[in-house]
C-alpha cells in the first residue's frame, strides 16, 4: 500500500428557534487506499457503504 487519504467536509448546525449560535465538526465520508496499481475508495453511500476504484477529486 502506498498511502491512505480521507474525504471529509465541514458539517455545521445553526440554531433557528433558540439561543443563537452554531456548532461545527468535520465528518469523514470516505477513505482512499492507494496502491501501486490503482486503489480502492470506500465511502458513505447513505444507508450502505460504497466501493469504487475511481479516485475522488
N, C-alpha and C. Protein backbone atom coordinates (compact mmCIF):
# COMPACT_ATOMS: atom_id res chain seq x y z
N UNK A 1 0.85 -1.17 0.00
CA UNK A 1 0.00 0.00 0.00
C UNK A 1 0.90 1.23 0.00
N UNK A 2 0.54 2.22 -0.81
CA UNK A 2 1.35 3.44 -0.90
C UNK A 2 0.92 4.49 0.11
N UNK A 3 -0.38 4.79 0.20
CA UNK A 3 -0.85 5.75 1.20
C UNK A 3 -2.36 5.64 1.38
N UNK A 4 -2.86 6.30 2.43
CA UNK A 4 -4.29 6.35 2.75
C UNK A 4 -4.69 7.81 2.83
N UNK A 5 -5.81 8.17 2.18
CA UNK A 5 -6.35 9.53 2.25
C UNK A 5 -7.78 9.47 2.77
N UNK A 6 -8.23 10.53 3.40
CA UNK A 6 -9.59 10.60 3.92
C UNK A 6 -10.34 11.75 3.26
N UNK A 7 -11.61 11.49 2.90
CA UNK A 7 -12.50 12.54 2.42
C UNK A 7 -13.26 13.07 3.64
N UNK A 8 -13.38 14.38 3.74
CA UNK A 8 -14.14 14.94 4.85
C UNK A 8 -14.75 16.26 4.42
N UNK A 9 -15.75 16.71 5.20
CA UNK A 9 -16.34 18.02 4.95
C UNK A 9 -16.73 18.64 6.28
N UNK A 10 -16.91 19.95 6.28
CA UNK A 10 -17.29 20.68 7.48
C UNK A 10 -18.81 20.67 7.59
N UNK A 11 -19.34 20.07 8.66
CA UNK A 11 -20.78 19.98 8.92
C UNK A 11 -21.11 21.01 9.99
N UNK A 12 -22.05 21.93 9.71
CA UNK A 12 -22.38 23.00 10.64
C UNK A 12 -23.87 22.99 10.96
N UNK A 13 -24.21 23.07 12.25
CA UNK A 13 -25.58 23.21 12.71
C UNK A 13 -25.77 24.63 13.21
N UNK A 14 -26.91 25.21 12.87
CA UNK A 14 -27.21 26.58 13.31
C UNK A 14 -28.57 26.60 13.97
N UNK A 15 -28.66 27.19 15.16
CA UNK A 15 -29.91 27.28 15.90
C UNK A 15 -30.85 28.27 15.22
N UNK A 16 -32.13 27.89 15.06
CA UNK A 16 -33.11 28.79 14.44
C UNK A 16 -34.22 29.18 15.39
N UNK A 17 -34.50 28.41 16.45
CA UNK A 17 -35.61 28.69 17.36
C UNK A 17 -35.18 28.99 18.79
N UNK A 18 -33.94 28.94 19.09
CA UNK A 18 -33.50 29.13 20.46
C UNK A 18 -32.37 30.14 20.51
N UNK A 19 -31.53 29.94 21.49
CA UNK A 19 -30.36 30.82 21.58
C UNK A 19 -29.54 30.74 20.30
N UNK A 20 -29.05 31.87 19.88
CA UNK A 20 -28.27 31.88 18.63
C UNK A 20 -26.92 31.20 18.85
N UNK A 21 -26.42 30.65 17.79
CA UNK A 21 -25.13 30.00 17.86
C UNK A 21 -25.01 28.92 16.81
N UNK A 22 -23.80 28.50 16.58
CA UNK A 22 -23.54 27.43 15.62
C UNK A 22 -22.60 26.42 16.25
N UNK A 23 -22.64 25.23 15.71
CA UNK A 23 -21.76 24.14 16.13
C UNK A 23 -21.25 23.47 14.87
N UNK A 24 -19.95 23.32 14.74
CA UNK A 24 -19.36 22.73 13.54
C UNK A 24 -18.43 21.57 13.91
N UNK A 25 -18.36 20.61 13.02
CA UNK A 25 -17.43 19.50 13.17
C UNK A 25 -17.07 18.96 11.80
N UNK A 26 -15.96 18.30 11.69
CA UNK A 26 -15.55 17.65 10.44
C UNK A 26 -16.06 16.22 10.44
N UNK A 27 -16.68 15.81 9.34
CA UNK A 27 -17.16 14.44 9.19
C UNK A 27 -16.35 13.75 8.11
N UNK A 28 -15.85 12.57 8.42
CA UNK A 28 -15.13 11.77 7.44
C UNK A 28 -16.14 10.96 6.65
N UNK A 29 -16.10 11.08 5.32
CA UNK A 29 -17.10 10.42 4.48
C UNK A 29 -16.53 9.29 3.65
N UNK A 30 -15.21 9.14 3.62
CA UNK A 30 -14.63 8.06 2.83
C UNK A 30 -13.13 7.94 3.03
N UNK A 31 -12.61 6.79 2.60
CA UNK A 31 -11.18 6.52 2.65
C UNK A 31 -10.71 6.07 1.29
N UNK A 32 -9.54 6.55 0.88
CA UNK A 32 -8.91 6.13 -0.37
C UNK A 32 -7.67 5.35 0.01
N UNK A 33 -7.62 4.07 -0.39
CA UNK A 33 -6.46 3.21 -0.14
C UNK A 33 -5.70 3.09 -1.45
N UNK A 34 -4.56 3.76 -1.55
CA UNK A 34 -3.79 3.80 -2.79
C UNK A 34 -2.75 2.68 -2.81
N UNK A 35 -2.61 2.05 -3.98
CA UNK A 35 -1.61 1.02 -4.20
C UNK A 35 -0.81 1.39 -5.45
N UNK A 36 0.19 0.60 -5.78
CA UNK A 36 0.99 0.85 -6.98
C UNK A 36 0.17 0.66 -8.26
N UNK A 37 -0.86 -0.16 -8.21
CA UNK A 37 -1.64 -0.44 -9.42
C UNK A 37 -3.02 0.19 -9.42
N UNK A 38 -3.29 1.17 -8.57
CA UNK A 38 -4.60 1.83 -8.52
C UNK A 38 -4.98 2.10 -7.08
N UNK A 39 -6.21 1.75 -6.75
CA UNK A 39 -6.64 1.97 -5.38
C UNK A 39 -8.08 1.58 -5.17
N UNK A 40 -8.56 1.79 -3.94
CA UNK A 40 -9.93 1.48 -3.57
C UNK A 40 -10.49 2.64 -2.77
N UNK A 41 -11.66 3.13 -3.17
CA UNK A 41 -12.36 4.18 -2.44
C UNK A 41 -13.53 3.54 -1.71
N UNK A 42 -13.53 3.63 -0.38
CA UNK A 42 -14.61 3.14 0.47
C UNK A 42 -15.30 4.37 1.02
N UNK A 43 -16.62 4.51 0.79
CA UNK A 43 -17.29 5.76 1.14
C UNK A 43 -18.69 5.52 1.67
N UNK A 44 -19.24 6.56 2.30
CA UNK A 44 -20.60 6.56 2.82
C UNK A 44 -21.55 6.75 1.65
N UNK A 45 -22.42 5.77 1.43
CA UNK A 45 -23.43 5.85 0.37
C UNK A 45 -24.82 5.87 1.00
N UNK A 46 -25.01 6.76 1.96
CA UNK A 46 -26.24 6.95 2.74
C UNK A 46 -26.54 5.73 3.59
N UNK A 47 -27.40 4.81 3.18
CA UNK A 47 -27.77 3.70 4.05
C UNK A 47 -26.90 2.45 3.85
N UNK A 48 -25.80 2.58 3.15
CA UNK A 48 -24.88 1.46 2.93
C UNK A 48 -23.49 2.01 2.66
N UNK A 49 -22.51 1.15 2.54
CA UNK A 49 -21.16 1.55 2.19
C UNK A 49 -20.96 1.38 0.69
N UNK A 50 -20.22 2.29 0.08
CA UNK A 50 -19.93 2.19 -1.34
C UNK A 50 -18.47 1.84 -1.57
N UNK A 51 -18.22 1.18 -2.68
CA UNK A 51 -16.85 0.83 -3.09
C UNK A 51 -16.64 1.28 -4.52
N UNK A 52 -15.47 1.82 -4.80
CA UNK A 52 -15.16 2.27 -6.16
C UNK A 52 -13.65 2.23 -6.37
N UNK A 53 -13.25 2.03 -7.61
CA UNK A 53 -11.83 2.11 -7.96
C UNK A 53 -11.48 3.49 -8.49
N UNK A 54 -12.48 4.40 -8.60
CA UNK A 54 -12.27 5.76 -9.08
C UNK A 54 -11.92 6.68 -7.93
N UNK A 55 -10.83 7.41 -8.09
CA UNK A 55 -10.40 8.34 -7.05
C UNK A 55 -11.28 9.59 -7.04
N UNK A 56 -11.69 10.05 -5.84
CA UNK A 56 -12.46 11.28 -5.70
C UNK A 56 -11.55 12.48 -5.87
N UNK A 57 -12.09 13.57 -6.41
CA UNK A 57 -11.32 14.82 -6.56
C UNK A 57 -11.16 15.52 -5.24
